Amino acid sequence: AADARRCLALLSGRRHRVYTAISVRAGETLWSRIVETHVGVKRLTDGQIETYLASGEWQGKAGGYAIQGRAAAFIPFISGSHSNVVGLPLYETAQLLRQ
């Protein structure tokens, strides 16, 4: 919880980038892609952070939040792949698999 609190405090009122590298291999051929998503987090009060931490949703989440859950209310801006922030950029992965 302390790490998640620190992450949320650092992200509060700022934009950050989420990167995921994906690769698909077929025999000797390897296709790779790095997906970048920009995420803006509204300024959070100490009370909002504590309420979020009490929900337990942050557990096991990079950056201390789950954009697909309650933390979506903290995100006024996203540019790029939403599923990348969740954990796997689905569109980009599907494109690699089609290749």
Protein backbone atom coordinates (compact mmCIF):
# COMPACT_ATOMS: atom_id res chain seq x y z
CA ALA A 1 0.00 0.00 0.00
CA ALA A 2 2.87 2.38 0.73
CA ASP A 3 4.31 1.87 -2.76
CA ALA A 4 0.90 2.37 -4.37
CA ARG A 5 0.35 5.53 -2.29
CA ARG A 6 3.73 6.86 -3.45
CA CYS A 7 2.95 6.03 -7.10
CA LEU A 8 -0.47 7.69 -6.98
CA ALA A 9 0.99 10.78 -5.32
CA LEU A 10 3.66 11.01 -8.03
CA LEU A 11 1.10 10.54 -10.84
CA SER A 12 -1.41 12.99 -9.34
CA GLY A 13 -1.98 16.00 -11.58
CA ARG A 14 0.49 14.79 -14.18
CA ARG A 15 0.74 12.85 -17.42
CA HIS A 16 2.81 9.74 -17.78
CA ARG A 17 3.59 7.16 -20.44
CA VAL A 18 2.91 3.45 -20.38
CA TYR A 19 5.10 1.25 -22.58
CA THR A 20 4.63 -2.41 -23.46
CA ALA A 21 6.90 -4.44 -25.71
CA ILE A 22 5.30 -7.36 -27.53
CA SER A 23 6.90 -10.00 -29.74
CA VAL A 24 5.64 -12.89 -31.83
CA ARG A 25 7.91 -15.56 -33.19
CA ALA A 26 7.20 -18.01 -36.01
CA GLY A 27 10.16 -20.28 -36.65
CA GLU A 28 13.16 -18.05 -37.16
CA THR A 29 11.08 -14.93 -37.82
CA LEU A 30 10.47 -12.50 -34.98
CA TRP A 31 8.10 -9.54 -35.11
CA SER A 32 8.23 -6.97 -32.31
CA ARG A 33 6.52 -3.75 -31.43
CA ILE A 34 6.66 -1.22 -28.62
CA VAL A 35 3.33 0.38 -27.76
CA GLU A 36 3.25 3.79 -26.05
CA THR A 37 0.20 5.28 -24.37
CA HIS A 38 -0.01 8.71 -22.73
CA VAL A 39 -2.19 8.89 -19.61
CA GLY A 40 -3.25 11.97 -17.65
CA VAL A 41 -4.24 11.66 -14.00
CA LYS A 42 -6.31 14.36 -12.33
CA ARG A 43 -4.99 16.01 -9.17
CA LEU A 44 -5.86 13.61 -6.37
CA THR A 45 -6.59 14.56 -2.79
CA ASP A 46 -5.12 12.57 0.07
CA GLY A 47 -8.66 11.38 0.80
CA GLN A 48 -9.15 10.09 -2.76
CA ILE A 49 -5.87 8.22 -2.60
CA GLU A 50 -6.72 6.68 0.78
CA THR A 51 -10.21 5.66 -0.38
CA TYR A 52 -8.73 4.05 -3.48
CA LEU A 53 -6.11 2.22 -1.44
CA ALA A 54 -8.81 0.95 0.93
CA SER A 55 -10.59 -0.63 -2.06
CA GLY A 56 -7.64 -2.97 -2.59
CA GLU A 57 -7.95 -2.58 -6.36
CA TRP A 58 -4.36 -1.32 -6.60
CA GLN A 59 -2.91 -4.68 -5.52
CA GLY A 60 -0.76 -6.26 -8.20
CA LYS A 61 -1.11 -3.26 -10.51
CA ALA A 62 1.84 -1.47 -12.08
CA GLY A 63 1.76 2.19 -11.09
CA GLY A 64 -0.63 1.44 -8.25
CA TYR A 65 -3.86 1.76 -10.24
CA ALA A 66 -6.23 -0.20 -12.47
CA ILE A 67 -7.51 2.00 -15.31
CA GLN A 68 -10.23 -0.58 -16.06
CA GLY A 69 -11.72 -0.21 -12.58
CA ARG A 70 -12.39 2.55 -10.06
CA ALA A 71 -9.29 4.47 -11.09
CA ALA A 72 -10.94 5.25 -14.44
CA ALA A 73 -12.56 8.16 -12.58
CA PHE A 74 -9.06 9.62 -12.10
CA ILE A 75 -8.17 9.63 -15.83
CA PRO A 76 -9.31 12.71 -17.79
CA PHE A 77 -6.89 12.08 -20.66
CA ILE A 78 -5.61 9.07 -22.59
CA SER A 79 -3.89 9.01 -25.94
CA GLY A 80 -3.13 5.62 -27.40
CA SER A 81 -4.11 2.10 -26.49
CA HIS A 82 -6.39 1.70 -23.47
CA SER A 83 -5.69 -2.06 -23.38
CA ASN A 84 -1.96 -1.26 -23.23
CA VAL A 85 -2.53 0.45 -19.88
CA VAL A 86 -4.61 -2.53 -18.71
CA GLY A 87 -1.67 -4.80 -19.48
CA LEU A 88 -1.72 -6.09 -23.06
CA PRO A 89 -2.17 -3.94 -26.17
CA LEU A 90 -4.78 -6.11 -27.86
CA TYR A 91 -5.02 -4.40 -31.25
CA GLU A 92 -1.26 -4.35 -31.73
CA THR A 93 -0.93 -7.96 -30.56
CA ALA A 94 -3.62 -9.07 -33.01
CA GLN A 95 -1.80 -7.23 -35.82
CA LEU A 96 1.44 -9.06 -35.03
CA LEU A 97 -0.37 -12.41 -34.93
CA ARG A 98 -1.91 -11.73 -38.37
CA GLN A 99 1.57 -11.22 -39.80
